[in-house]
Amino acid sequence: MSFGPRQSVRIAIACIFTILFAIPPDVLAQDHVVKPSDLQQEMLKATQTRQQNLQKLESFFSTPAAEKALKSAKIDPQQVKTAVATLGDDDLAQLSSRAEKAQTDFAAGRLSDRDLIWIIVAVAVLILIIVAVR
């Protein structure tokens, strides 16, 4: 039994419609879209994390030792604090983590005053460079 071109096209169209109507629509649209509540929770979490990282760096640069170190390096502490707020989330997270580690190490006696001063100045310069490059 041989089919002509028209007959083949009709059979192909019939097969396509059969497949389209045989598959329930909910199978095609299963959980491929993020729920608004999940998206809202992720946004809230990201905002909270950013705020915590900002607070860590602000507190790091607000200590008397940090302000003294910055002034001795001729770096305006207010300029650094302003620049911190403009950092991207990834840079902010990395620098916040480094600042927190430095404070912890200093409190535990693993860093001297001089080491902490170098770290403060290095982090401040890095922040200013990141912001200037953007």
N, C-alpha and C. Protein backbone atom coordinates (compact mmCIF):
# COMPACT_ATOMS: atom_id res chain seq x y z
N MET A 1 0.84 -1.15 0.00
CA MET A 1 0.00 0.00 0.00
C MET A 1 0.90 1.23 0.00
N SER A 2 0.73 2.05 -0.97
CA SER A 2 1.57 3.23 -1.14
C SER A 2 0.74 4.48 -0.91
N PHE A 3 1.32 5.44 -0.17
CA PHE A 3 0.64 6.70 0.11
C PHE A 3 1.23 7.79 -0.76
N GLY A 4 0.38 8.64 -1.25
CA GLY A 4 0.84 9.79 -2.03
C GLY A 4 1.29 10.88 -1.09
N PRO A 5 1.87 11.96 -1.63
CA PRO A 5 2.37 13.04 -0.78
C PRO A 5 1.27 13.66 0.06
N ARG A 6 0.10 13.84 -0.49
CA ARG A 6 -1.00 14.44 0.27
C ARG A 6 -1.43 13.52 1.40
N GLN A 7 -1.50 12.26 1.11
CA GLN A 7 -1.91 11.28 2.13
C GLN A 7 -0.88 11.26 3.26
N SER A 8 0.41 11.34 2.95
CA SER A 8 1.47 11.33 3.97
C SER A 8 1.37 12.56 4.86
N VAL A 9 1.09 13.71 4.26
CA VAL A 9 0.94 14.94 5.03
C VAL A 9 -0.24 14.83 5.97
N ARG A 10 -1.35 14.29 5.49
CA ARG A 10 -2.54 14.12 6.32
C ARG A 10 -2.26 13.19 7.51
N ILE A 11 -1.56 12.13 7.24
CA ILE A 11 -1.24 11.18 8.32
C ILE A 11 -0.32 11.86 9.34
N ALA A 12 0.66 12.64 8.88
CA ALA A 12 1.57 13.34 9.79
C ALA A 12 0.82 14.33 10.66
N ILE A 13 -0.09 15.10 10.04
CA ILE A 13 -0.88 16.07 10.79
C ILE A 13 -1.77 15.36 11.80
N ALA A 14 -2.38 14.26 11.40
CA ALA A 14 -3.23 13.49 12.31
C ALA A 14 -2.42 12.99 13.51
N CYS A 15 -1.20 12.53 13.25
CA CYS A 15 -0.33 12.04 14.34
C CYS A 15 0.02 13.18 15.29
N ILE A 16 0.34 14.35 14.76
CA ILE A 16 0.69 15.49 15.60
C ILE A 16 -0.48 15.88 16.50
N PHE A 17 -1.69 15.98 15.90
CA PHE A 17 -2.86 16.33 16.71
C PHE A 17 -3.18 15.27 17.75
N THR A 18 -2.99 14.01 17.40
CA THR A 18 -3.23 12.93 18.35
C THR A 18 -2.29 13.06 19.55
N ILE A 19 -1.02 13.34 19.27
CA ILE A 19 -0.03 13.48 20.35
C ILE A 19 -0.36 14.70 21.21
N LEU A 20 -0.69 15.82 20.56
CA LEU A 20 -1.00 17.04 21.31
C LEU A 20 -2.19 16.86 22.23
N PHE A 21 -3.23 16.18 21.75
CA PHE A 21 -4.44 16.02 22.57
C PHE A 21 -4.33 14.85 23.54
N ALA A 22 -3.40 13.95 23.32
CA ALA A 22 -3.26 12.79 24.20
C ALA A 22 -2.47 13.13 25.47
N ILE A 23 -1.58 14.14 25.39
CA ILE A 23 -0.77 14.52 26.55
C ILE A 23 -1.52 15.59 27.34
N PRO A 24 -1.79 15.33 28.62
CA PRO A 24 -2.48 16.33 29.45
C PRO A 24 -1.65 17.61 29.56
N PRO A 25 -2.31 18.76 29.52
CA PRO A 25 -1.57 20.04 29.58
C PRO A 25 -0.77 20.21 30.85
N ASP A 26 -1.23 19.66 31.98
CA ASP A 26 -0.48 19.84 33.23
C ASP A 26 0.84 19.08 33.22
N VAL A 27 0.98 18.07 32.39
CA VAL A 27 2.25 17.35 32.28
C VAL A 27 3.29 18.26 31.61
N LEU A 28 2.85 19.04 30.64
CA LEU A 28 3.77 19.93 29.94
C LEU A 28 4.21 21.11 30.81
N ALA A 29 3.41 21.49 31.78
CA ALA A 29 3.71 22.68 32.60
C ALA A 29 4.02 22.33 34.04
N GLN A 30 4.69 21.24 34.26
CA GLN A 30 5.00 20.83 35.64
C GLN A 30 6.18 21.60 36.21
N ASP A 31 5.96 22.36 37.24
CA ASP A 31 6.99 23.00 38.06
C ASP A 31 8.21 23.53 37.30
N HIS A 32 7.98 24.13 36.17
CA HIS A 32 9.08 24.76 35.45
C HIS A 32 9.18 26.23 35.81
N VAL A 33 8.22 26.71 36.56
CA VAL A 33 8.19 28.10 36.95
C VAL A 33 8.41 28.19 38.45
N VAL A 34 9.22 29.16 38.87
CA VAL A 34 9.48 29.36 40.29
C VAL A 34 8.25 30.00 40.93
N LYS A 35 7.88 29.47 42.06
CA LYS A 35 6.73 30.02 42.77
C LYS A 35 7.08 31.41 43.30
N PRO A 36 6.13 32.34 43.27
CA PRO A 36 6.41 33.69 43.77
C PRO A 36 6.87 33.71 45.23
N SER A 37 6.32 32.82 46.04
CA SER A 37 6.73 32.80 47.45
C SER A 37 8.18 32.35 47.60
N ASP A 38 8.62 31.39 46.77
CA ASP A 38 10.02 30.95 46.81
C ASP A 38 10.95 32.06 46.36
N LEU A 39 10.53 32.76 45.31
CA LEU A 39 11.34 33.87 44.81
C LEU A 39 11.44 34.98 45.85
N GLN A 40 10.34 35.27 46.52
CA GLN A 40 10.33 36.31 47.55
C GLN A 40 11.23 35.92 48.72
N GLN A 41 11.20 34.65 49.11
CA GLN A 41 12.06 34.19 50.21
C GLN A 41 13.53 34.31 49.84
N GLU A 42 13.89 33.96 48.60
CA GLU A 42 15.28 34.06 48.16
C GLU A 42 15.74 35.51 48.13
N MET A 43 14.86 36.40 47.68
CA MET A 43 15.20 37.82 47.66
C MET A 43 15.39 38.36 49.06
N LEU A 44 14.53 37.95 49.98
CA LEU A 44 14.64 38.38 51.37
C LEU A 44 15.93 37.87 51.99
N LYS A 45 16.26 36.63 51.71
CA LYS A 45 17.49 36.03 52.24
C LYS A 45 18.72 36.77 51.70
N ALA A 46 18.71 37.08 50.39
CA ALA A 46 19.84 37.79 49.79
C ALA A 46 19.97 39.19 50.39
N THR A 47 18.85 39.85 50.63
CA THR A 47 18.87 41.18 51.21
C THR A 47 19.42 41.14 52.64
N GLN A 48 18.98 40.15 53.40
CA GLN A 48 19.47 40.02 54.77
C GLN A 48 20.97 39.72 54.81
N THR A 49 21.41 38.85 53.92
CA THR A 49 22.83 38.51 53.87
C THR A 49 23.66 39.74 53.50
N ARG A 50 23.18 40.51 52.53
CA ARG A 50 23.89 41.73 52.14
C ARG A 50 23.96 42.71 53.31
N GLN A 51 22.85 42.86 54.03
CA GLN A 51 22.82 43.78 55.16
C GLN A 51 23.80 43.34 56.26
N GLN A 52 23.87 42.05 56.51
CA GLN A 52 24.80 41.54 57.52
C GLN A 52 26.25 41.80 57.09
N ASN A 53 26.54 41.57 55.80
CA ASN A 53 27.90 41.81 55.31
C ASN A 53 28.26 43.29 55.38
N LEU A 54 27.31 44.16 55.06
CA LEU A 54 27.54 45.61 55.18
C LEU A 54 27.86 45.99 56.63
N GLN A 55 27.08 45.44 57.54
CA GLN A 55 27.29 45.75 58.96
C GLN A 55 28.66 45.27 59.44
N LYS A 56 29.09 44.10 58.98
CA LYS A 56 30.40 43.58 59.38
C LYS A 56 31.51 44.51 58.93
N LEU A 57 31.45 44.94 57.66
CA LEU A 57 32.50 45.83 57.17
C LEU A 57 32.43 47.21 57.81
N GLU A 58 31.23 47.72 58.01
CA GLU A 58 31.10 49.03 58.65
C GLU A 58 31.65 48.99 60.07
N SER A 59 31.37 47.92 60.78
CA SER A 59 31.90 47.81 62.15
C SER A 59 33.42 47.63 62.13
N PHE A 60 33.92 46.92 61.13
CA PHE A 60 35.37 46.72 60.98
C PHE A 60 36.08 48.06 60.80
N PHE A 61 35.51 48.93 59.98
CA PHE A 61 36.13 50.23 59.71
C PHE A 61 35.76 51.30 60.73
N SER A 62 34.88 50.98 61.66
CA SER A 62 34.47 51.96 62.66
C SER A 62 35.26 51.87 63.96
N THR A 63 36.11 50.88 64.08
CA THR A 63 36.90 50.75 65.30
C THR A 63 37.95 51.87 65.34
N PRO A 64 38.33 52.27 66.54
CA PRO A 64 39.36 53.31 66.65
C PRO A 64 40.67 52.91 65.95
N ALA A 65 41.02 51.63 66.05
CA ALA A 65 42.25 51.17 65.40
C ALA A 65 42.16 51.31 63.88
N ALA A 66 40.99 51.01 63.33
CA ALA A 66 40.81 51.12 61.88
C ALA A 66 40.86 52.57 61.43
N GLU A 67 40.18 53.43 62.16
CA GLU A 67 40.17 54.84 61.79
C GLU A 67 41.59 55.44 61.87
N LYS A 68 42.32 55.04 62.90
CA LYS A 68 43.70 55.52 63.04
C LYS A 68 44.57 54.98 61.91
N ALA A 69 44.41 53.71 61.58
CA ALA A 69 45.20 53.10 60.50
C ALA A 69 44.91 53.77 59.17
N LEU A 70 43.65 54.04 58.89
CA LEU A 70 43.28 54.68 57.63
C LEU A 70 43.82 56.10 57.54
N LYS A 71 43.71 56.82 58.63
CA LYS A 71 44.21 58.20 58.63
C LYS A 71 45.73 58.23 58.47
N SER A 72 46.42 57.28 59.09
CA SER A 72 47.88 57.26 58.95
C SER A 72 48.29 56.87 57.53
N ALA A 73 47.43 56.15 56.82
CA ALA A 73 47.70 55.80 55.43
C ALA A 73 47.14 56.85 54.47
N LYS A 74 46.62 57.95 55.04
CA LYS A 74 46.04 59.06 54.27
C LYS A 74 44.85 58.61 53.42
N ILE A 75 44.02 57.75 54.03
CA ILE A 75 42.79 57.27 53.39
C ILE A 75 41.62 57.81 54.20
N ASP A 76 40.70 58.43 53.53
CA ASP A 76 39.53 59.00 54.20
C ASP A 76 38.58 57.88 54.63
N PRO A 77 38.40 57.69 55.96
CA PRO A 77 37.51 56.61 56.44
C PRO A 77 36.08 56.73 55.89
N GLN A 78 35.60 57.95 55.74
CA GLN A 78 34.24 58.14 55.23
C GLN A 78 34.14 57.70 53.77
N GLN A 79 35.18 57.92 53.01
CA GLN A 79 35.20 57.50 51.61
C GLN A 79 35.13 55.98 51.52
N VAL A 80 35.84 55.30 52.42
CA VAL A 80 35.83 53.84 52.45
C VAL A 80 34.43 53.34 52.83
N LYS A 81 33.84 53.95 53.85
CA LYS A 81 32.50 53.52 54.28
C LYS A 81 31.47 53.74 53.18
N THR A 82 31.60 54.83 52.44
CA THR A 82 30.69 55.09 51.33
C THR A 82 30.91 54.07 50.21
N ALA A 83 32.16 53.74 49.94
CA ALA A 83 32.49 52.78 48.89
C ALA A 83 31.98 51.39 49.22
N VAL A 84 32.00 51.04 50.50
CA VAL A 84 31.52 49.72 50.92
C VAL A 84 30.08 49.50 50.47
N ALA A 85 29.26 50.52 50.59
CA ALA A 85 27.84 50.40 50.24
C ALA A 85 27.62 50.17 48.75
N THR A 86 28.60 50.49 47.92
CA THR A 86 28.43 50.33 46.48
C THR A 86 29.01 49.02 45.95
N LEU A 87 29.61 48.22 46.82
CA LEU A 87 30.18 46.94 46.39
C LEU A 87 29.09 45.98 45.94
N GLY A 88 29.44 45.12 45.00
CA GLY A 88 28.54 44.06 44.58
C GLY A 88 28.44 43.01 45.68
N ASP A 89 27.44 42.17 45.60
CA ASP A 89 27.20 41.16 46.65
C ASP A 89 28.38 40.21 46.84
N ASP A 90 28.99 39.76 45.73
CA ASP A 90 30.10 38.81 45.85
C ASP A 90 31.32 39.46 46.50
N ASP A 91 31.67 40.65 46.03
CA ASP A 91 32.82 41.36 46.62
C ASP A 91 32.55 41.66 48.10
N LEU A 92 31.35 42.09 48.37
CA LEU A 92 30.97 42.42 49.75
C LEU A 92 31.09 41.19 50.65
N ALA A 93 30.63 40.06 50.17
CA ALA A 93 30.69 38.82 50.97
C ALA A 93 32.14 38.41 51.23
N GLN A 94 32.98 38.49 50.20
CA GLN A 94 34.39 38.10 50.37
C GLN A 94 35.12 39.02 51.33
N LEU A 95 34.97 40.30 51.15
CA LEU A 95 35.68 41.26 52.00
C LEU A 95 35.15 41.23 53.43
N SER A 96 33.87 41.03 53.58
CA SER A 96 33.27 40.92 54.90
C SER A 96 33.83 39.70 55.63
N SER A 97 33.96 38.61 54.92
CA SER A 97 34.51 37.39 55.51
C SER A 97 35.96 37.61 55.94
N ARG A 98 36.74 38.28 55.11
CA ARG A 98 38.14 38.55 55.45
C ARG A 98 38.26 39.48 56.65
N ALA A 99 37.41 40.48 56.70
CA ALA A 99 37.44 41.42 57.83
C ALA A 99 37.06 40.70 59.12
N GLU A 100 36.04 39.86 59.04
CA GLU A 100 35.61 39.12 60.23
C GLU A 100 36.72 38.18 60.71
N LYS A 101 37.38 37.51 59.78
CA LYS A 101 38.48 36.61 60.15
C LYS A 101 39.62 37.40 60.81
N ALA A 102 39.94 38.56 60.26
CA ALA A 102 41.01 39.38 60.84
C ALA A 102 40.66 39.80 62.27
N GLN A 103 39.41 40.21 62.48
CA GLN A 103 38.99 40.60 63.83
C GLN A 103 39.06 39.42 64.79
N THR A 104 38.62 38.26 64.32
CA THR A 104 38.65 37.05 65.16
C THR A 104 40.09 36.67 65.50
N ASP A 105 40.95 36.69 64.48
CA ASP A 105 42.36 36.35 64.71
C ASP A 105 43.04 37.35 65.65
N PHE A 106 42.71 38.62 65.51
CA PHE A 106 43.28 39.63 66.40
C PHE A 106 42.81 39.42 67.83
N ALA A 107 41.52 39.16 68.00
CA ALA A 107 40.96 38.94 69.34
C ALA A 107 41.56 37.68 69.98
N ALA A 108 41.90 36.69 69.15
CA ALA A 108 42.48 35.45 69.69
C ALA A 108 43.98 35.56 69.89
N GLY A 109 44.56 36.69 69.51
CA GLY A 109 46.00 36.89 69.71
C GLY A 109 46.85 36.33 68.58
N ARG A 110 46.24 35.91 67.48
CA ARG A 110 47.01 35.37 66.37
C ARG A 110 47.56 36.46 65.45
N LEU A 111 47.10 37.70 65.65
CA LEU A 111 47.59 38.84 64.87
C LEU A 111 48.06 39.93 65.83
N SER A 112 49.11 40.58 65.43
CA SER A 112 49.59 41.73 66.23
C SER A 112 48.84 42.98 65.79
N ASP A 113 49.03 44.07 66.54
CA ASP A 113 48.42 45.35 66.16
C ASP A 113 48.88 45.76 64.76
N ARG A 114 50.15 45.55 64.52
CA ARG A 114 50.72 45.94 63.23
C ARG A 114 50.10 45.13 62.08
N ASP A 115 49.94 43.82 62.31
CA ASP A 115 49.31 42.97 61.30
C ASP A 115 47.89 43.44 60.99
N LEU A 116 47.16 43.75 62.05
CA LEU A 116 45.78 44.21 61.87
C LEU A 116 45.73 45.52 61.09
N ILE A 117 46.65 46.41 61.38
CA ILE A 117 46.71 47.69 60.66
C ILE A 117 46.95 47.44 59.17
N TRP A 118 47.88 46.55 58.84
CA TRP A 118 48.15 46.23 57.44
C TRP A 118 46.90 45.65 56.76
N ILE A 119 46.20 44.79 57.46
CA ILE A 119 44.99 44.18 56.90
C ILE A 119 43.91 45.24 56.67
N ILE A 120 43.75 46.12 57.64
CA ILE A 120 42.74 47.20 57.51
C ILE A 120 43.04 48.05 56.28
N VAL A 121 44.28 48.48 56.15
CA VAL A 121 44.66 49.32 55.03
C VAL A 121 44.51 48.55 53.71
N ALA A 122 44.92 47.29 53.69
CA ALA A 122 44.82 46.49 52.47
C ALA A 122 43.36 46.32 52.04
N VAL A 123 42.49 46.02 52.97
CA VAL A 123 41.07 45.85 52.64
C VAL A 123 40.47 47.17 52.16
N ALA A 124 40.82 48.26 52.81
CA ALA A 124 40.32 49.58 52.40
C ALA A 124 40.78 49.92 50.99
N VAL A 125 42.05 49.70 50.70
CA VAL A 125 42.59 49.99 49.36
C VAL A 125 41.90 49.11 48.32
N LEU A 126 41.70 47.85 48.66
CA LEU A 126 41.02 46.92 47.74
C LEU A 126 39.61 47.38 47.44
N ILE A 127 38.91 47.83 48.46
CA ILE A 127 37.54 48.35 48.26
C ILE A 127 37.56 49.56 47.33
N LEU A 128 38.46 50.48 47.58
CA LEU A 128 38.54 51.68 46.74
C LEU A 128 38.91 51.35 45.31
N ILE A 129 39.78 50.36 45.12
CA ILE A 129 40.15 49.94 43.76
C ILE A 129 38.96 49.31 43.06
N ILE A 130 38.25 48.42 43.73
CA ILE A 130 37.08 47.77 43.13
C ILE A 130 36.05 48.80 42.69
N VAL A 131 35.78 49.76 43.55
CA VAL A 131 34.79 50.78 43.24
C VAL A 131 35.28 51.68 42.09
N ALA A 132 36.57 52.00 42.08
CA ALA A 132 37.12 52.87 41.03
C ALA A 132 37.10 52.19 39.66
N VAL A 133 37.28 50.89 39.64
CA VAL A 133 37.33 50.16 38.38
C VAL A 133 35.94 50.10 37.73
N ARG A 134 34.91 50.11 38.51
CA ARG A 134 33.55 50.01 37.96
C ARG A 134 33.13 51.22 37.25
